[in-house]
Amino acid sequence: MTTSPQGRPSGRARVTVIVAFAVYLALLTWVVLWKLEVPWIGEAAGLARPIKLVPFAPSGDAGASAPVELLINLVLFVPFGLFIGALAPTWSWWKAGVAALGASLLLETVQHLISTGSFDTTDLVVNTAGALVGWAVFVAVRRSAGERTADVMTRICVIVCALALTAVVAFVVSPLHYGPQRDVVVERPNPGR
C-alpha cells in the first residue's frame, strides 16, 4: 500500500476509504433521518415545529434526551472522526470538529424540515463530541503506528464500515423497530349506524 507524504492513503487504498466513508454516511443518514425504517416524509413537513435550543435540558414539549440516546448518538459519530482522520490527517482537531458539527447540523435541519424528527442542539453537541472521540482514536493510532498510519487507518475504516453494515442488516432483519410511530388513521366502528 502506498502512502502520500501527508500520511493519507494513496491510490487504491484512498478509494477504499472514500467508498467506506460514503457507505458509512449513507447508513448514518438512514439511522438519523428514518431510524432504519423505510424512508418517509412526515405529514407536517414544512410547517413550523418547535426547535430545542437549550442542550441537555427539557424545553417546551421536548424532554431532555435519555442517557441511552446520548450514548447512541455519541457512538454513531465516532466513525466520522476516524474517517476524517484517515482522509485528512493534516487537519487539526478543531477542523475535524467543525466538519462533524456541519454534518450534524445538516442532518438535524433535514430531519426537522421533512418532519422525521426534531431539531435538537443536544444532538449537535453529542454528535460533534463523538466525532472528536474518533479523531482522538486516529491521533492515538498515528502516534503508535507512525509511517504505517495510512495502512492501519485504511484497515480500521474498512472494519468499521463492515461492522456498521452488519449491525444494520442484523437490526433490519430483527423484529426490533426504533422508528417513531407515524400518523396512522384507525377507523372505529360507529355504534350509532
C-alpha atoms as a PDB file:
ATOM      1  CA  MET A   1       0.000   0.000   0.000  1.00  0.00           C
ATOM      2  CA  THR A   2       1.366   3.404  -0.877  1.00  0.00           C
ATOM      3  CA  THR A   3       1.159   6.436   1.337  1.00  0.00           C
ATOM      4  CA  SER A   4       1.243  10.097   0.412  1.00  0.00           C
ATOM      5  CA  PRO A   5       3.736  12.402   2.116  1.00  0.00           C
ATOM      6  CA  GLN A   6       0.935  13.767   4.338  1.00  0.00           C
ATOM      7  CA  GLY A   7       0.159  10.285   5.725  1.00  0.00           C
ATOM      8  CA  ARG A   8      -3.004   9.821   3.658  1.00  0.00           C
ATOM      9  CA  PRO A   9      -3.626   6.546   1.882  1.00  0.00           C
ATOM     10  CA  SER A  10      -2.807   6.806  -1.814  1.00  0.00           C
ATOM     11  CA  GLY A  11      -4.315   5.220  -4.882  1.00  0.00           C
ATOM     12  CA  ARG A  12      -6.479   2.201  -4.320  1.00  0.00           C
ATOM     13  CA  ALA A  13      -6.356   2.473  -0.525  1.00  0.00           C
ATOM     14  CA  ARG A  14      -7.689   6.048  -0.667  1.00  0.00           C
ATOM     15  CA  VAL A  15     -10.541   4.967  -2.954  1.00  0.00           C
ATOM     16  CA  THR A  16     -11.323   2.155  -0.500  1.00  0.00           C
ATOM     17  CA  VAL A  17     -11.511   4.629   2.411  1.00  0.00           C
ATOM     18  CA  ILE A  18     -13.670   7.035   0.378  1.00  0.00           C
ATOM     19  CA  VAL A  19     -16.088   4.241  -0.570  1.00  0.00           C
ATOM     20  CA  ALA A  20     -16.230   3.039   3.067  1.00  0.00           C
ATOM     21  CA  PHE A  21     -16.884   6.640   4.191  1.00  0.00           C
ATOM     22  CA  ALA A  22     -19.680   7.009   1.620  1.00  0.00           C
ATOM     23  CA  VAL A  23     -21.299   3.784   2.854  1.00  0.00           C
ATOM     24  CA  TYR A  24     -20.980   4.978   6.468  1.00  0.00           C
ATOM     25  CA  LEU A  25     -22.528   8.375   5.594  1.00  0.00           C
ATOM     26  CA  ALA A  26     -25.443   6.664   3.814  1.00  0.00           C
ATOM     27  CA  LEU A  27     -26.054   4.432   6.835  1.00  0.00           C
ATOM     28  CA  LEU A  28     -25.694   7.391   9.227  1.00  0.00           C
ATOM     29  CA  THR A  29     -28.246   9.367   7.213  1.00  0.00           C
ATOM     30  CA  TRP A  30     -30.667   6.426   7.249  1.00  0.00           C
ATOM     31  CA  VAL A  31     -30.256   5.987  11.010  1.00  0.00           C
ATOM     32  CA  VAL A  32     -30.628   9.677  11.863  1.00  0.00           C
ATOM     33  CA  LEU A  33     -33.451  10.560   9.488  1.00  0.00           C
ATOM     34  CA  TRP A  34     -35.504   7.347   9.471  1.00  0.00           C
ATOM     35  CA  LYS A  35     -34.206   5.183  12.346  1.00  0.00           C
ATOM     36  CA  LEU A  36     -33.584   2.342   9.856  1.00  0.00           C
ATOM     37  CA  GLU A  37     -37.222   2.352   8.760  1.00  0.00           C
ATOM     38  CA  VAL A  38     -38.450   2.740   5.178  1.00  0.00           C
ATOM     39  CA  PRO A  39     -37.736   6.384   4.238  1.00  0.00           C
ATOM     40  CA  TRP A  40     -40.774   8.636   4.599  1.00  0.00           C
ATOM     41  CA  ILE A  41     -41.680  12.298   4.925  1.00  0.00           C
ATOM     42  CA  GLY A  42     -43.862  13.454   7.794  1.00  0.00           C
ATOM     43  CA  GLU A  43     -47.260  14.991   7.196  1.00  0.00           C
ATOM     44  CA  ALA A  44     -46.247  18.251   8.859  1.00  0.00           C
ATOM     45  CA  ALA A  45     -43.253  18.777   6.552  1.00  0.00           C
ATOM     46  CA  GLY A  46     -42.579  22.433   6.010  1.00  0.00           C
ATOM     47  CA  LEU A  47     -44.724  23.559   8.952  1.00  0.00           C
ATOM     48  CA  ALA A  48     -43.274  25.435  11.912  1.00  0.00           C
ATOM     49  CA  ARG A  49     -42.134  22.943  14.536  1.00  0.00           C
ATOM     50  CA  PRO A  50     -40.514  23.501  17.901  1.00  0.00           C
ATOM     51  CA  ILE A  51     -36.737  23.648  17.956  1.00  0.00           C
ATOM     52  CA  LYS A  52     -34.869  22.616  21.101  1.00  0.00           C
ATOM     53  CA  LEU A  53     -32.196  25.289  21.543  1.00  0.00           C
ATOM     54  CA  VAL A  54     -31.026  24.540  25.104  1.00  0.00           C
ATOM     55  CA  PRO A  55     -28.918  21.379  25.094  1.00  0.00           C
ATOM     56  CA  PHE A  56     -29.338  18.686  27.768  1.00  0.00           C
ATOM     57  CA  ALA A  57     -32.489  20.287  29.208  1.00  0.00           C
ATOM     58  CA  PRO A  58     -36.192  19.842  28.550  1.00  0.00           C
ATOM     59  CA  SER A  59     -37.882  22.661  26.679  1.00  0.00           C
ATOM     60  CA  GLY A  60     -41.464  23.101  25.581  1.00  0.00           C
ATOM     61  CA  ASP A  61     -42.946  19.747  24.622  1.00  0.00           C
ATOM     62  CA  ALA A  62     -39.499  18.149  24.264  1.00  0.00           C
ATOM     63  CA  GLY A  63     -37.993  16.395  27.237  1.00  0.00           C
ATOM     64  CA  ALA A  64     -34.305  16.027  27.978  1.00  0.00           C
ATOM     65  CA  SER A  65     -32.588  13.343  25.913  1.00  0.00           C
ATOM     66  CA  ALA A  66     -32.370   9.941  27.564  1.00  0.00           C
ATOM     67  CA  PRO A  67     -28.836   8.792  28.503  1.00  0.00           C
ATOM     68  CA  VAL A  68     -29.078   5.804  26.141  1.00  0.00           C
ATOM     69  CA  GLU A  69     -29.992   8.142  23.273  1.00  0.00           C
ATOM     70  CA  LEU A  70     -26.975  10.323  24.075  1.00  0.00           C
ATOM     71  CA  LEU A  71     -24.712   7.258  24.082  1.00  0.00           C
ATOM     72  CA  ILE A  72     -26.120   6.040  20.757  1.00  0.00           C
ATOM     73  CA  ASN A  73     -25.558   9.465  19.156  1.00  0.00           C
ATOM     74  CA  LEU A  74     -22.003   9.594  20.523  1.00  0.00           C
ATOM     75  CA  VAL A  75     -21.165   6.117  19.179  1.00  0.00           C
ATOM     76  CA  LEU A  76     -22.791   6.804  15.788  1.00  0.00           C
ATOM     77  CA  PHE A  77     -20.424   9.721  15.160  1.00  0.00           C
ATOM     78  CA  VAL A  78     -17.146   8.139  16.355  1.00  0.00           C
ATOM     79  CA  PRO A  79     -16.525   6.680  12.858  1.00  0.00           C
ATOM     80  CA  PHE A  80     -16.962  10.164  11.381  1.00  0.00           C
ATOM     81  CA  GLY A  81     -13.837  11.285  13.253  1.00  0.00           C
ATOM     82  CA  LEU A  82     -11.966   8.137  12.207  1.00  0.00           C
ATOM     83  CA  PHE A  83     -12.769   8.709   8.536  1.00  0.00           C
ATOM     84  CA  ILE A  84     -11.833  12.401   8.707  1.00  0.00           C
ATOM     85  CA  GLY A  85      -8.530  11.400  10.294  1.00  0.00           C
ATOM     86  CA  ALA A  86      -7.857   8.844   7.552  1.00  0.00           C
ATOM     87  CA  LEU A  87      -8.787  11.205   4.715  1.00  0.00           C
ATOM     88  CA  ALA A  88      -7.441  14.488   6.114  1.00  0.00           C
ATOM     89  CA  PRO A  89      -4.643  13.576   8.555  1.00  0.00           C
ATOM     90  CA  THR A  90      -3.120  17.050   8.460  1.00  0.00           C
ATOM     91  CA  TRP A  91      -6.284  18.676   9.823  1.00  0.00           C
ATOM     92  CA  SER A  92      -6.332  19.868  13.398  1.00  0.00           C
ATOM     93  CA  TRP A  93      -8.905  18.606  15.893  1.00  0.00           C
ATOM     94  CA  TRP A  94     -10.978  21.751  15.520  1.00  0.00           C
ATOM     95  CA  LYS A  95     -11.289  21.318  11.733  1.00  0.00           C
ATOM     96  CA  ALA A  96     -12.491  17.760  12.320  1.00  0.00           C
ATOM     97  CA  GLY A  97     -14.922  19.114  14.918  1.00  0.00           C
ATOM     98  CA  VAL A  98     -16.245  21.784  12.546  1.00  0.00           C
ATOM     99  CA  ALA A  99     -16.756  19.147   9.820  1.00  0.00           C
ATOM    100  CA  ALA A 100     -18.674  16.946  12.275  1.00  0.00           C
ATOM    101  CA  LEU A 101     -20.723  19.891  13.520  1.00  0.00           C
ATOM    102  CA  GLY A 102     -21.579  20.801   9.917  1.00  0.00           C
ATOM    103  CA  ALA A 103     -22.665  17.236   9.103  1.00  0.00           C
ATOM    104  CA  SER A 104     -24.727  17.037  12.283  1.00  0.00           C
ATOM    105  CA  LEU A 105     -26.304  20.438  11.617  1.00  0.00           C
ATOM    106  CA  LEU A 106     -27.249  19.319   8.117  1.00  0.00           C
ATOM    107  CA  LEU A 107     -28.844  16.099   9.388  1.00  0.00           C
ATOM    108  CA  GLU A 108     -30.718  17.867  12.206  1.00  0.00           C
ATOM    109  CA  THR A 109     -32.023  20.503   9.798  1.00  0.00           C
ATOM    110  CA  VAL A 110     -33.156  17.960   7.203  1.00  0.00           C
ATOM    111  CA  GLN A 111     -34.929  15.763   9.751  1.00  0.00           C
ATOM    112  CA  HIS A 112     -36.720  18.864  11.035  1.00  0.00           C
ATOM    113  CA  LEU A 113     -37.708  20.033   7.560  1.00  0.00           C
ATOM    114  CA  ILE A 114     -39.068  16.652   6.454  1.00  0.00           C
ATOM    115  CA  SER A 115     -40.708  16.059   9.860  1.00  0.00           C
ATOM    116  CA  THR A 116     -38.988  12.787  10.689  1.00  0.00           C
ATOM    117  CA  GLY A 117     -37.518  14.218  13.881  1.00  0.00           C
ATOM    118  CA  SER A 118     -36.995  17.487  15.663  1.00  0.00           C
ATOM    119  CA  PHE A 119     -34.030  19.832  15.702  1.00  0.00           C
ATOM    120  CA  ASP A 120     -32.157  19.369  18.986  1.00  0.00           C
ATOM    121  CA  THR A 121     -28.954  21.194  19.927  1.00  0.00           C
ATOM    122  CA  THR A 122     -28.127  18.342  22.313  1.00  0.00           C
ATOM    123  CA  ASP A 123     -27.615  16.158  19.252  1.00  0.00           C
ATOM    124  CA  LEU A 124     -25.262  18.736  17.725  1.00  0.00           C
ATOM    125  CA  VAL A 125     -23.093  18.728  20.859  1.00  0.00           C
ATOM    126  CA  VAL A 126     -23.093  14.946  21.356  1.00  0.00           C
ATOM    127  CA  ASN A 127     -22.566  14.121  17.672  1.00  0.00           C
ATOM    128  CA  THR A 128     -19.611  16.510  17.484  1.00  0.00           C
ATOM    129  CA  ALA A 129     -18.180  15.024  20.685  1.00  0.00           C
ATOM    130  CA  GLY A 130     -18.485  11.535  19.173  1.00  0.00           C
ATOM    131  CA  ALA A 131     -16.565  12.613  16.076  1.00  0.00           C
ATOM    132  CA  LEU A 132     -13.879  14.148  18.285  1.00  0.00           C
ATOM    133  CA  VAL A 133     -13.572  10.827  20.149  1.00  0.00           C
ATOM    134  CA  GLY A 134     -12.989   9.216  16.739  1.00  0.00           C
ATOM    135  CA  TRP A 135     -10.426  11.909  15.941  1.00  0.00           C
ATOM    136  CA  ALA A 136      -8.654  11.172  19.262  1.00  0.00           C
ATOM    137  CA  VAL A 137      -8.516   7.475  18.324  1.00  0.00           C
ATOM    138  CA  PHE A 138      -6.965   8.487  14.981  1.00  0.00           C
ATOM    139  CA  VAL A 139      -4.354  10.595  16.809  1.00  0.00           C
ATOM    140  CA  ALA A 140      -3.528   7.633  19.084  1.00  0.00           C
ATOM    141  CA  VAL A 141      -3.151   5.378  16.039  1.00  0.00           C
ATOM    142  CA  ARG A 142      -0.931   7.974  14.343  1.00  0.00           C
ATOM    143  CA  ARG A 143       1.324   8.174  17.410  1.00  0.00           C
ATOM    144  CA  SER A 144       1.694   4.416  17.707  1.00  0.00           C
ATOM    145  CA  ALA A 145       1.738   3.428  14.024  1.00  0.00           C
ATOM    146  CA  GLY A 146       3.988   6.206  12.703  1.00  0.00           C
ATOM    147  CA  GLU A 147       4.607   5.720   8.987  1.00  0.00           C
ATOM    148  CA  ARG A 148       2.128   2.837   8.886  1.00  0.00           C
ATOM    149  CA  THR A 149      -0.750   5.129   9.944  1.00  0.00           C
ATOM    150  CA  ALA A 150      -2.373   5.190   6.494  1.00  0.00           C
ATOM    151  CA  ASP A 151      -2.317   1.384   6.260  1.00  0.00           C
ATOM    152  CA  VAL A 152      -3.697   0.936   9.769  1.00  0.00           C
ATOM    153  CA  MET A 153      -6.391   3.598   9.306  1.00  0.00           C
ATOM    154  CA  THR A 154      -7.476   2.079   5.991  1.00  0.00           C
ATOM    155  CA  ARG A 155      -7.976  -1.267   7.724  1.00  0.00           C
ATOM    156  CA  ILE A 156      -9.797   0.351  10.651  1.00  0.00           C
ATOM    157  CA  CYS A 157     -12.121   2.252   8.303  1.00  0.00           C
ATOM    158  CA  VAL A 158     -12.957  -0.893   6.321  1.00  0.00           C
ATOM    159  CA  ILE A 159     -13.615  -2.836   9.545  1.00  0.00           C
ATOM    160  CA  VAL A 160     -15.826  -0.026  10.902  1.00  0.00           C
ATOM    161  CA  CYS A 161     -17.789   0.054   7.655  1.00  0.00           C
ATOM    162  CA  ALA A 162     -18.218  -3.746   7.674  1.00  0.00           C
ATOM    163  CA  LEU A 163     -19.358  -3.692  11.316  1.00  0.00           C
ATOM    164  CA  ALA A 164     -21.836  -0.884  10.570  1.00  0.00           C
ATOM    165  CA  LEU A 165     -23.265  -2.812   7.617  1.00  0.00           C
ATOM    166  CA  THR A 166     -23.518  -5.976   9.706  1.00  0.00           C
ATOM    167  CA  ALA A 167     -25.265  -4.126  12.546  1.00  0.00           C
ATOM    168  CA  VAL A 168     -27.730  -2.513  10.147  1.00  0.00           C
ATOM    169  CA  VAL A 169     -28.553  -5.807   8.440  1.00  0.00           C
ATOM    170  CA  ALA A 170     -28.980  -7.509  11.826  1.00  0.00           C
ATOM    171  CA  PHE A 171     -31.289  -4.730  13.002  1.00  0.00           C
ATOM    172  CA  VAL A 172     -33.337  -4.648   9.798  1.00  0.00           C
ATOM    173  CA  VAL A 173     -33.972  -8.413   9.827  1.00  0.00           C
ATOM    174  CA  SER A 174     -34.719  -8.465  13.568  1.00  0.00           C
ATOM    175  CA  PRO A 175     -38.201  -7.849  14.973  1.00  0.00           C
ATOM    176  CA  LEU A 176     -36.985  -4.633  16.669  1.00  0.00           C
ATOM    177  CA  HIS A 177     -38.216  -1.267  15.431  1.00  0.00           C
ATOM    178  CA  TYR A 178     -36.845   2.004  16.715  1.00  0.00           C
ATOM    179  CA  GLY A 179     -38.583   4.473  14.425  1.00  0.00           C
ATOM    180  CA  PRO A 180     -41.356   6.668  15.763  1.00  0.00           C
ATOM    181  CA  GLN A 181     -44.920   5.692  15.071  1.00  0.00           C
ATOM    182  CA  ARG A 182     -46.157   7.637  12.096  1.00  0.00           C
ATOM    183  CA  ASP A 183     -49.587   9.124  11.714  1.00  0.00           C
ATOM    184  CA  VAL A 184     -51.972   6.212  11.370  1.00  0.00           C
ATOM    185  CA  VAL A 185     -55.681   6.659  10.889  1.00  0.00           C
ATOM    186  CA  VAL A 186     -57.671   3.969  12.631  1.00  0.00           C
ATOM    187  CA  GLU A 187     -61.323   3.802  11.750  1.00  0.00           C
ATOM    188  CA  ARG A 188     -63.501   2.716  14.627  1.00  0.00           C
ATOM    189  CA  PRO A 189     -66.943   1.278  14.131  1.00  0.00           C
ATOM    190  CA  ASN A 190     -69.696   3.766  14.812  1.00  0.00           C
ATOM    191  CA  PRO A 191     -72.198   2.114  17.184  1.00  0.00           C
ATOM    192  CA  GLY A 192     -74.922   4.525  16.031  1.00  0.00           C
ATOM    193  CA  ARG A 193     -75.058   3.126  12.472  1.00  0.00           C
END
